[in-house]
Amino acid sequence: PAAAASARLDRPDGSIQSLGVRLTADGHGADATEAPAFG
């Protein structure tokens, strides 16, 4: 029932880049590497 689903993005070397966007305490949208992600 969700409105959006975020995939896992890996770098070419296989390391994780992002599972989505996390929201920092100063309002930055940063790469999330743990679930659940904000966006």
PDB file of all heavy atoms in Angstrom:
ATOM      1  N   PRO A   1       0.790  -1.228   0.000  1.00  0.00           N
ATOM      2  CA  PRO A   1       0.000   0.000   0.000  1.00  0.00           C
ATOM      3  C   PRO A   1       0.825   1.283   0.000  1.00  0.00           C
ATOM      4  O   PRO A   1       0.281   2.380   0.003  1.00  0.00           O
ATOM      5  CB  PRO A   1      -0.795  -0.120   1.305  1.00  0.00           C
ATOM      6  CG  PRO A   1       0.100  -0.899   2.209  1.00  0.00           C
ATOM      7  CD  PRO A   1       0.826  -1.879   1.319  1.00  0.00           C
ATOM      8  N   ALA A   2       2.147   1.162   0.002  1.00  0.00           N
ATOM      9  CA  ALA A   2       3.011   2.348   0.078  1.00  0.00           C
ATOM     10  C   ALA A   2       2.937   3.150  -1.220  1.00  0.00           C
ATOM     11  O   ALA A   2       2.517   2.656  -2.267  1.00  0.00           O
ATOM     12  CB  ALA A   2       4.451   1.935   0.354  1.00  0.00           C
ATOM     13  N   ALA A   3       3.372   4.405  -1.138  1.00  0.00           N
ATOM     14  CA  ALA A   3       3.393   5.284  -2.313  1.00  0.00           C
ATOM     15  C   ALA A   3       4.702   5.190  -3.078  1.00  0.00           C
ATOM     16  O   ALA A   3       4.757   5.584  -4.245  1.00  0.00           O
ATOM     17  CB  ALA A   3       3.161   6.726  -1.887  1.00  0.00           C
ATOM     18  N   ALA A   4       5.756   4.679  -2.446  1.00  0.00           N
ATOM     19  CA  ALA A   4       7.053   4.597  -3.117  1.00  0.00           C
ATOM     20  C   ALA A   4       7.877   3.480  -2.500  1.00  0.00           C
ATOM     21  O   ALA A   4       7.700   3.127  -1.324  1.00  0.00           O
ATOM     22  CB  ALA A   4       7.804   5.924  -3.015  1.00  0.00           C
ATOM     23  N   ALA A   5       8.775   2.937  -3.320  1.00  0.00           N
ATOM     24  CA  ALA A   5       9.699   1.901  -2.856  1.00  0.00           C
ATOM     25  C   ALA A   5      11.083   2.238  -3.368  1.00  0.00           C
ATOM     26  O   ALA A   5      11.262   2.538  -4.549  1.00  0.00           O
ATOM     27  CB  ALA A   5       9.270   0.522  -3.364  1.00  0.00           C
ATOM     28  N   SER A   6      12.060   2.193  -2.479  1.00  0.00           N
ATOM     29  CA  SER A   6      13.435   2.538  -2.834  1.00  0.00           C
ATOM     30  C   SER A   6      14.268   1.274  -2.970  1.00  0.00           C
ATOM     31  O   SER A   6      14.192   0.370  -2.136  1.00  0.00           O
ATOM     32  CB  SER A   6      14.043   3.449  -1.771  1.00  0.00           C
ATOM     33  OG  SER A   6      15.284   3.986  -2.199  1.00  0.00           O
ATOM     34  N   ALA A   7      15.052   1.207  -4.041  1.00  0.00           N
ATOM     35  CA  ALA A   7      15.895   0.047  -4.307  1.00  0.00           C
ATOM     36  C   ALA A   7      17.251   0.198  -3.622  1.00  0.00           C
ATOM     37  O   ALA A   7      17.551   1.216  -2.999  1.00  0.00           O
ATOM     38  CB  ALA A   7      16.079  -0.124  -5.815  1.00  0.00           C
ATOM     39  N   ARG A   8      18.069  -0.846  -3.753  1.00  0.00           N
ATOM     40  CA  ARG A   8      19.449  -0.796  -3.269  1.00  0.00           C
ATOM     41  C   ARG A   8      20.371  -0.457  -4.427  1.00  0.00           C
ATOM     42  O   ARG A   8      20.373  -1.142  -5.450  1.00  0.00           O
ATOM     43  CB  ARG A   8      19.859  -2.135  -2.659  1.00  0.00           C
ATOM     44  CG  ARG A   8      21.368  -2.212  -2.383  1.00  0.00           C
ATOM     45  CD  ARG A   8      21.766  -3.483  -1.690  1.00  0.00           C
ATOM     46  NE  ARG A   8      23.222  -3.613  -1.656  1.00  0.00           N
ATOM     47  CZ  ARG A   8      23.906  -4.211  -0.692  1.00  0.00           C
ATOM     48  NH1 ARG A   8      23.254  -4.760   0.320  1.00  0.00           N
ATOM     49  NH2 ARG A   8      25.224  -4.286  -0.734  1.00  0.00           N
ATOM     50  N   LEU A   9      21.140   0.609  -4.277  1.00  0.00           N
ATOM     51  CA  LEU A   9      22.134   0.990  -5.267  1.00  0.00           C
ATOM     52  C   LEU A   9      23.514   0.576  -4.771  1.00  0.00           C
ATOM     53  O   LEU A   9      23.907   0.929  -3.650  1.00  0.00           O
ATOM     54  CB  LEU A   9      22.108   2.490  -5.535  1.00  0.00           C
ATOM     55  CG  LEU A   9      21.046   2.999  -6.509  1.00  0.00           C
ATOM     56  CD1 LEU A   9      19.673   3.000  -5.839  1.00  0.00           C
ATOM     57  CD2 LEU A   9      21.380   4.396  -6.994  1.00  0.00           C
ATOM     58  N   ASP A  10      24.221  -0.169  -5.599  1.00  0.00           N
ATOM     59  CA  ASP A  10      25.581  -0.592  -5.290  1.00  0.00           C
ATOM     60  C   ASP A  10      26.574   0.115  -6.204  1.00  0.00           C
ATOM     61  O   ASP A  10      26.279   0.384  -7.380  1.00  0.00           O
ATOM     62  CB  ASP A  10      25.738  -2.100  -5.490  1.00  0.00           C
ATOM     63  CG  ASP A  10      25.007  -2.914  -4.436  1.00  0.00           C
ATOM     64  OD1 ASP A  10      24.882  -2.430  -3.307  1.00  0.00           O
ATOM     65  OD2 ASP A  10      24.571  -4.035  -4.761  1.00  0.00           O
ATOM     66  N   ARG A  11      27.745   0.410  -5.675  1.00  0.00           N
ATOM     67  CA  ARG A  11      28.824   0.933  -6.504  1.00  0.00           C
ATOM     68  C   ARG A  11      29.332  -0.179  -7.419  1.00  0.00           C
ATOM     69  O   ARG A  11      29.080  -1.366  -7.177  1.00  0.00           O
ATOM     70  CB  ARG A  11      29.952   1.465  -5.624  1.00  0.00           C
ATOM     71  CG  ARG A  11      29.526   2.608  -4.696  1.00  0.00           C
ATOM     72  CD  ARG A  11      30.692   3.100  -3.859  1.00  0.00           C
ATOM     73  NE  ARG A  11      30.280   4.151  -2.934  1.00  0.00           N
ATOM     74  CZ  ARG A  11      29.834   3.934  -1.693  1.00  0.00           C
ATOM     75  NH1 ARG A  11      29.772   2.664  -1.235  1.00  0.00           N
ATOM     76  NH2 ARG A  11      29.478   4.922  -0.917  1.00  0.00           N
ATOM     77  N   PRO A  12      30.058   0.180  -8.463  1.00  0.00           N
ATOM     78  CA  PRO A  12      30.573  -0.850  -9.371  1.00  0.00           C
ATOM     79  C   PRO A  12      31.418  -1.918  -8.680  1.00  0.00           C
ATOM     80  O   PRO A  12      31.507  -3.049  -9.174  1.00  0.00           O
ATOM     81  CB  PRO A  12      31.407  -0.043 -10.375  1.00  0.00           C
ATOM     82  CG  PRO A  12      30.730   1.295 -10.418  1.00  0.00           C
ATOM     83  CD  PRO A  12      30.296   1.550  -8.999  1.00  0.00           C
ATOM     84  N   ASP A  13      32.042  -1.591  -7.535  1.00  0.00           N
ATOM     85  CA  ASP A  13      32.846  -2.590  -6.823  1.00  0.00           C
ATOM     86  C   ASP A  13      32.010  -3.499  -5.933  1.00  0.00           C
ATOM     87  O   ASP A  13      32.545  -4.373  -5.242  1.00  0.00           O
ATOM     88  CB  ASP A  13      33.941  -1.911  -5.994  1.00  0.00           C
ATOM     89  CG  ASP A  13      33.391  -1.037  -4.864  1.00  0.00           C
ATOM     90  OD1 ASP A  13      32.159  -1.020  -4.653  1.00  0.00           O
ATOM     91  OD2 ASP A  13      34.201  -0.361  -4.190  1.00  0.00           O
ATOM     92  N   GLY A  14      30.681  -3.291  -5.922  1.00  0.00           N
ATOM     93  CA  GLY A  14      29.786  -4.141  -5.151  1.00  0.00           C
ATOM     94  C   GLY A  14      29.432  -3.608  -3.779  1.00  0.00           C
ATOM     95  O   GLY A  14      28.539  -4.147  -3.106  1.00  0.00           O
ATOM     96  N   SER A  15      30.110  -2.555  -3.327  1.00  0.00           N
ATOM     97  CA  SER A  15      29.786  -1.975  -2.023  1.00  0.00           C
ATOM     98  C   SER A  15      28.498  -1.167  -2.111  1.00  0.00           C
ATOM     99  O   SER A  15      28.156  -0.627  -3.167  1.00  0.00           O
ATOM    100  CB  SER A  15      30.933  -1.093  -1.528  1.00  0.00           C
ATOM    101  OG  SER A  15      31.138  -0.003  -2.412  1.00  0.00           O
ATOM    102  N   ILE A  16      27.797  -1.083  -0.999  1.00  0.00           N
ATOM    103  CA  ILE A  16      26.512  -0.399  -1.003  1.00  0.00           C
ATOM    104  C   ILE A  16      26.702   1.115  -1.052  1.00  0.00           C
ATOM    105  O   ILE A  16      27.528   1.675  -0.332  1.00  0.00           O
ATOM    106  CB  ILE A  16      25.670  -0.811   0.222  1.00  0.00           C
ATOM    107  CG1 ILE A  16      24.286  -0.174   0.149  1.00  0.00           C
ATOM    108  CG2 ILE A  16      26.364  -0.450   1.521  1.00  0.00           C
ATOM    109  CD1 ILE A  16      23.319  -0.713   1.176  1.00  0.00           C
ATOM    110  N   GLN A  17      25.956   1.751  -1.922  1.00  0.00           N
ATOM    111  CA  GLN A  17      25.933   3.208  -1.977  1.00  0.00           C
ATOM    112  C   GLN A  17      24.719   3.754  -1.239  1.00  0.00           C
ATOM    113  O   GLN A  17      24.823   4.687  -0.451  1.00  0.00           O
ATOM    114  CB  GLN A  17      25.889   3.699  -3.420  1.00  0.00           C
ATOM    115  CG  GLN A  17      25.753   5.223  -3.531  1.00  0.00           C
ATOM    116  CD  GLN A  17      25.227   5.661  -4.883  1.00  0.00           C
ATOM    117  OE1 GLN A  17      25.472   5.017  -5.897  1.00  0.00           O
ATOM    118  NE2 GLN A  17      24.479   6.746  -4.909  1.00  0.00           N
ATOM    119  N   SER A  18      23.549   3.154  -1.484  1.00  0.00           N
ATOM    120  CA  SER A  18      22.332   3.742  -0.922  1.00  0.00           C
ATOM    121  C   SER A  18      21.187   2.742  -0.908  1.00  0.00           C
ATOM    122  O   SER A  18      21.018   1.948  -1.841  1.00  0.00           O
ATOM    123  CB  SER A  18      21.920   4.967  -1.750  1.00  0.00           C
ATOM    124  OG  SER A  18      20.694   5.503  -1.288  1.00  0.00           O
ATOM    125  N   LEU A  19      20.390   2.820   0.166  1.00  0.00           N
ATOM    126  CA  LEU A  19      19.097   2.143   0.230  1.00  0.00           C
ATOM    127  C   LEU A  19      17.954   3.151   0.127  1.00  0.00           C
ATOM    128  O   LEU A  19      16.787   2.768   0.180  1.00  0.00           O
ATOM    129  CB  LEU A  19      18.953   1.367   1.551  1.00  0.00           C
ATOM    130  CG  LEU A  19      19.831   0.142   1.722  1.00  0.00           C
ATOM    131  CD1 LEU A  19      19.645  -0.452   3.114  1.00  0.00           C
ATOM    132  CD2 LEU A  19      19.520  -0.912   0.665  1.00  0.00           C
ATOM    133  N   GLY A  20      18.309   4.402   0.019  1.00  0.00           N
ATOM    134  CA  GLY A  20      17.322   5.471   0.009  1.00  0.00           C
ATOM    135  C   GLY A  20      17.930   6.714   0.614  1.00  0.00           C
ATOM    136  O   GLY A  20      19.156   6.868   0.663  1.00  0.00           O
ATOM    137  N   VAL A  21      17.081   7.603   1.104  1.00  0.00           N
ATOM    138  CA  VAL A  21      17.532   8.875   1.664  1.00  0.00           C
ATOM    139  C   VAL A  21      17.235   8.908   3.159  1.00  0.00           C
ATOM    140  O   VAL A  21      16.120   8.580   3.591  1.00  0.00           O
ATOM    141  CB  VAL A  21      16.816  10.060   0.972  1.00  0.00           C
ATOM    142  CG1 VAL A  21      17.134  11.372   1.665  1.00  0.00           C
ATOM    143  CG2 VAL A  21      17.227  10.127  -0.498  1.00  0.00           C
ATOM    144  N   ARG A  22      18.249   9.304   3.941  1.00  0.00           N
ATOM    145  CA  ARG A  22      18.024   9.566   5.360  1.00  0.00           C
ATOM    146  C   ARG A  22      18.029  11.067   5.582  1.00  0.00           C
ATOM    147  O   ARG A  22      18.617  11.828   4.810  1.00  0.00           O
ATOM    148  CB  ARG A  22      19.073   8.889   6.238  1.00  0.00           C
ATOM    149  CG  ARG A  22      20.494   9.362   6.006  1.00  0.00           C
ATOM    150  CD  ARG A  22      21.485   8.554   6.836  1.00  0.00           C
ATOM    151  NE  ARG A  22      22.850   8.966   6.559  1.00  0.00           N
ATOM    152  CZ  ARG A  22      23.495   9.941   7.197  1.00  0.00           C
ATOM    153  NH1 ARG A  22      22.888  10.605   8.184  1.00  0.00           N
ATOM    154  NH2 ARG A  22      24.734  10.255   6.883  1.00  0.00           N
ATOM    155  N   LEU A  23      17.372  11.500   6.646  1.00  0.00           N
ATOM    156  CA  LEU A  23      17.260  12.921   6.955  1.00  0.00           C
ATOM    157  C   LEU A  23      18.135  13.228   8.156  1.00  0.00           C
ATOM    158  O   LEU A  23      17.953  12.664   9.241  1.00  0.00           O
ATOM    159  CB  LEU A  23      15.793  13.260   7.259  1.00  0.00           C
ATOM    160  CG  LEU A  23      15.401  14.729   7.362  1.00  0.00           C
ATOM    161  CD1 LEU A  23      15.712  15.461   6.066  1.00  0.00           C
ATOM    162  CD2 LEU A  23      13.922  14.848   7.700  1.00  0.00           C
ATOM    163  N   THR A  24      19.134  14.120   7.976  1.00  0.00           N
ATOM    164  CA  THR A  24      20.051  14.430   9.060  1.00  0.00           C
ATOM    165  C   THR A  24      19.462  15.509   9.976  1.00  0.00           C
ATOM    166  O   THR A  24      18.480  16.172   9.644  1.00  0.00           O
ATOM    167  CB  THR A  24      21.401  14.923   8.515  1.00  0.00           C
ATOM    168  OG1 THR A  24      21.224  16.219   7.924  1.00  0.00           O
ATOM    169  CG2 THR A  24      21.958  13.962   7.469  1.00  0.00           C
ATOM    170  N   ALA A  25      20.097  15.688  11.119  1.00  0.00           N
ATOM    171  CA  ALA A  25      19.594  16.634  12.114  1.00  0.00           C
ATOM    172  C   ALA A  25      19.652  18.073  11.630  1.00  0.00           C
ATOM    173  O   ALA A  25      18.955  18.940  12.172  1.00  0.00           O
ATOM    174  CB  ALA A  25      20.388  16.489  13.416  1.00  0.00           C
ATOM    175  N   ASP A  26      20.487  18.356  10.608  1.00  0.00           N
ATOM    176  CA  ASP A  26      20.528  19.712  10.056  1.00  0.00           C
ATOM    177  C   ASP A  26      19.819  19.790   8.700  1.00  0.00           C
ATOM    178  O   ASP A  26      20.016  20.741   7.944  1.00  0.00           O
ATOM    179  CB  ASP A  26      21.962  20.228   9.956  1.00  0.00           C
ATOM    180  CG  ASP A  26      22.864  19.316   9.136  1.00  0.00           C
ATOM    181  OD1 ASP A  26      22.386  18.259   8.678  1.00  0.00           O
ATOM    182  OD2 ASP A  26      24.053  19.663   8.962  1.00  0.00           O
ATOM    183  N   GLY A  27      19.009  18.784   8.402  1.00  0.00           N
ATOM    184  CA  GLY A  27      18.150  18.861   7.231  1.00  0.00           C
ATOM    185  C   GLY A  27      18.779  18.484   5.919  1.00  0.00           C
ATOM    186  O   GLY A  27      18.260  18.843   4.862  1.00  0.00           O
ATOM    187  N   HIS A  28      19.875  17.759   5.964  1.00  0.00           N
ATOM    188  CA  HIS A  28      20.443  17.236   4.724  1.00  0.00           C
ATOM    189  C   HIS A  28      19.766  15.918   4.354  1.00  0.00           C
ATOM    190  O   HIS A  28      19.434  15.108   5.232  1.00  0.00           O
ATOM    191  CB  HIS A  28      21.948  16.993   4.862  1.00  0.00           C
ATOM    192  CG  HIS A  28      22.781  18.224   4.776  1.00  0.00           C
ATOM    193  ND1 HIS A  28      23.049  19.017   5.876  1.00  0.00           N
ATOM    194  CD2 HIS A  28      23.395  18.823   3.721  1.00  0.00           C
ATOM    195  CE1 HIS A  28      23.809  20.039   5.505  1.00  0.00           C
ATOM    196  NE2 HIS A  28      24.025  19.947   4.208  1.00  0.00           N
ATOM    197  N   GLY A  29      19.584  15.707   3.072  1.00  0.00           N
ATOM    198  CA  GLY A  29      19.199  14.395   2.588  1.00  0.00           C
ATOM    199  C   GLY A  29      20.463  13.649   2.227  1.00  0.00           C
ATOM    200  O   GLY A  29      21.197  14.072   1.330  1.00  0.00           O
ATOM    201  N   ALA A  30      20.739  12.563   2.925  1.00  0.00           N
ATOM    202  CA  ALA A  30      21.986  11.824   2.721  1.00  0.00           C
ATOM    203  C   ALA A  30      21.669  10.377   2.371  1.00  0.00           C
ATOM    204  O   ALA A  30      20.571   9.886   2.627  1.00  0.00           O
ATOM    205  CB  ALA A  30      22.847  11.888   3.985  1.00  0.00           C
ATOM    206  N   ASP A  31      22.657   9.690   1.793  1.00  0.00           N
ATOM    207  CA  ASP A  31      22.462   8.287   1.467  1.00  0.00           C
ATOM    208  C   ASP A  31      22.224   7.478   2.734  1.00  0.00           C
ATOM    209  O   ASP A  31      22.985   7.586   3.708  1.00  0.00           O
ATOM    210  CB  ASP A  31      23.690   7.728   0.741  1.00  0.00           C
ATOM    211  CG  ASP A  31      23.763   8.156  -0.715  1.00  0.00           C
ATOM    212  OD1 ASP A  31      22.704   8.336  -1.337  1.00  0.00           O
ATOM    213  OD2 ASP A  31      24.885   8.317  -1.229  1.00  0.00           O
ATOM    214  N   ALA A  32      21.181   6.670   2.730  1.00  0.00           N
ATOM    215  CA  ALA A  32      20.906   5.749   3.828  1.00  0.00           C
ATOM    216  C   ALA A  32      21.472   4.392   3.471  1.00  0.00           C
ATOM    217  O   ALA A  32      21.281   3.899   2.354  1.00  0.00           O
ATOM    218  CB  ALA A  32      19.402   5.644   4.069  1.00  0.00           C
ATOM    219  N   THR A  33      22.172   3.765   4.412  1.00  0.00           N
ATOM    220  CA  THR A  33      22.701   2.425   4.186  1.00  0.00           C
ATOM    221  C   THR A  33      22.064   1.408   5.130  1.00  0.00           C
ATOM    222  O   THR A  33      22.483   0.257   5.177  1.00  0.00           O
ATOM    223  CB  THR A  33      24.225   2.400   4.349  1.00  0.00           C
ATOM    224  OG1 THR A  33      24.581   2.929   5.630  1.00  0.00           O
ATOM    225  CG2 THR A  33      24.890   3.247   3.256  1.00  0.00           C
ATOM    226  N   GLU A  34      21.059   1.853   5.871  1.00  0.00           N
ATOM    227  CA  GLU A  34      20.286   0.966   6.728  1.00  0.00           C
ATOM    228  C   GLU A  34      18.805   1.237   6.508  1.00  0.00           C
ATOM    229  O   GLU A  34      18.397   2.363   6.242  1.00  0.00           O
ATOM    230  CB  GLU A  34      20.635   1.180   8.210  1.00  0.00           C
ATOM    231  CG  GLU A  34      22.073   0.837   8.567  1.00  0.00           C
ATOM    232  CD  GLU A  34      22.357   1.056  10.048  1.00  0.00           C
ATOM    233  OE1 GLU A  34      21.454   1.548  10.769  1.00  0.00           O
ATOM    234  OE2 GLU A  34      23.475   0.746  10.484  1.00  0.00           O
ATOM    235  N   ALA A  35      18.008   0.201   6.625  1.00  0.00           N
ATOM    236  CA  ALA A  35      16.555   0.328   6.488  1.00  0.00           C
ATOM    237  C   ALA A  35      15.925   0.460   7.873  1.00  0.00           C
ATOM    238  O   ALA A  35      16.455  -0.048   8.855  1.00  0.00           O
ATOM    239  CB  ALA A  35      16.002  -0.891   5.765  1.00  0.00           C
ATOM    240  N   PRO A  36      14.783   1.165   7.966  1.00  0.00           N
ATOM    241  CA  PRO A  36      14.076   1.840   6.876  1.00  0.00           C
ATOM    242  C   PRO A  36      14.673   3.213   6.588  1.00  0.00           C
ATOM    243  O   PRO A  36      15.270   3.831   7.459  1.00  0.00           O
ATOM    244  CB  PRO A  36      12.657   1.969   7.426  1.00  0.00           C
ATOM    245  CG  PRO A  36      12.850   2.117   8.911  1.00  0.00           C
ATOM    246  CD  PRO A  36      14.032   1.243   9.247  1.00  0.00           C
ATOM    247  N   ALA A  37      14.479   3.671   5.370  1.00  0.00           N
ATOM    248  CA  ALA A  37      14.951   4.993   4.967  1.00  0.00           C
ATOM    249  C   ALA A  37      13.796   5.982   4.985  1.00  0.00           C
ATOM    250  O   ALA A  37      12.640   5.608   4.799  1.00  0.00           O
ATOM    251  CB  ALA A  37      15.561   4.937   3.573  1.00  0.00           C
ATOM    252  N   PHE A  38      14.121   7.240   5.216  1.00  0.00           N
ATOM    253  CA  PHE A  38      13.119   8.304   5.194  1.00  0.00           C
ATOM    254  C   PHE A  38      12.468   8.422   3.825  1.00  0.00           C
ATOM    255  O   PHE A  38      11.256   8.545   3.687  1.00  0.00           O
ATOM    256  CB  PHE A  38      13.777   9.627   5.585  1.00  0.00           C
ATOM    257  CG  PHE A  38      12.956  10.851   5.273  1.00  0.00           C
ATOM    258  CD1 PHE A  38      11.811  11.140   5.994  1.00  0.00           C
ATOM    259  CD2 PHE A  38      13.336  11.713   4.245  1.00  0.00           C
ATOM    260  CE1 PHE A  38      11.048  12.274   5.704  1.00  0.00           C
ATOM    261  CE2 PHE A  38      12.586  12.838   3.960  1.00  0.00           C
ATOM    262  CZ  PHE A  38      11.439  13.115   4.686  1.00  0.00           C
ATOM    263  N   GLY A  39      13.298   8.407   2.782  1.00  0.00           N
ATOM    264  CA  GLY A  39      12.790   8.607   1.434  1.00  0.00           C
ATOM    265  C   GLY A  39      13.455   7.677   0.444  1.00  0.00           C
ATOM    266  O   GLY A  39      14.337   6.884   0.790  1.00  0.00           O
TER     267      GLY A  39
END
